[in-house]
Amino acid sequence: QIDYDLEAHPLQIKTDSAVGSEQDKVWTFTKTATALKIECNGVEVVNYLFSESPRTRCLTNWSQDVEKIAFSTSDTASDGYRQQPGSNVTVKARNSSLSLAE
């Protein structure tokens, strides 16, 4: 686990699109108290409003502040992660040789 304020700073994760593919994908996760938005290479793929969930505890659980994130040790899809560019916080990289071009 690492300390990370997901509400204040969207998180980007870089992955390979597919085995043998030359295109990388950069997934951006943005969370507020009311929604989770996911983009891939700048294209919105999910904008999930917690209040629209059929599960009664969704809003209660997901509206809480996220203070830590973790990657599973079995994760082989993520090449690296960083804070979305444009903020004052130091970029964090899972792999110190990783470069996410802006």
Foldseek 3Di string as FASTA:
>chain_A
DDFDFQQVFWKWWWFCPDVPDPDIWIWTWHAALFWIWIDIPNHTDDTGGQVPDPDPCSSVVRSDTDTDDDDDPPDPGTPWMFTPPDDDDDTDIPDVPDDDDD
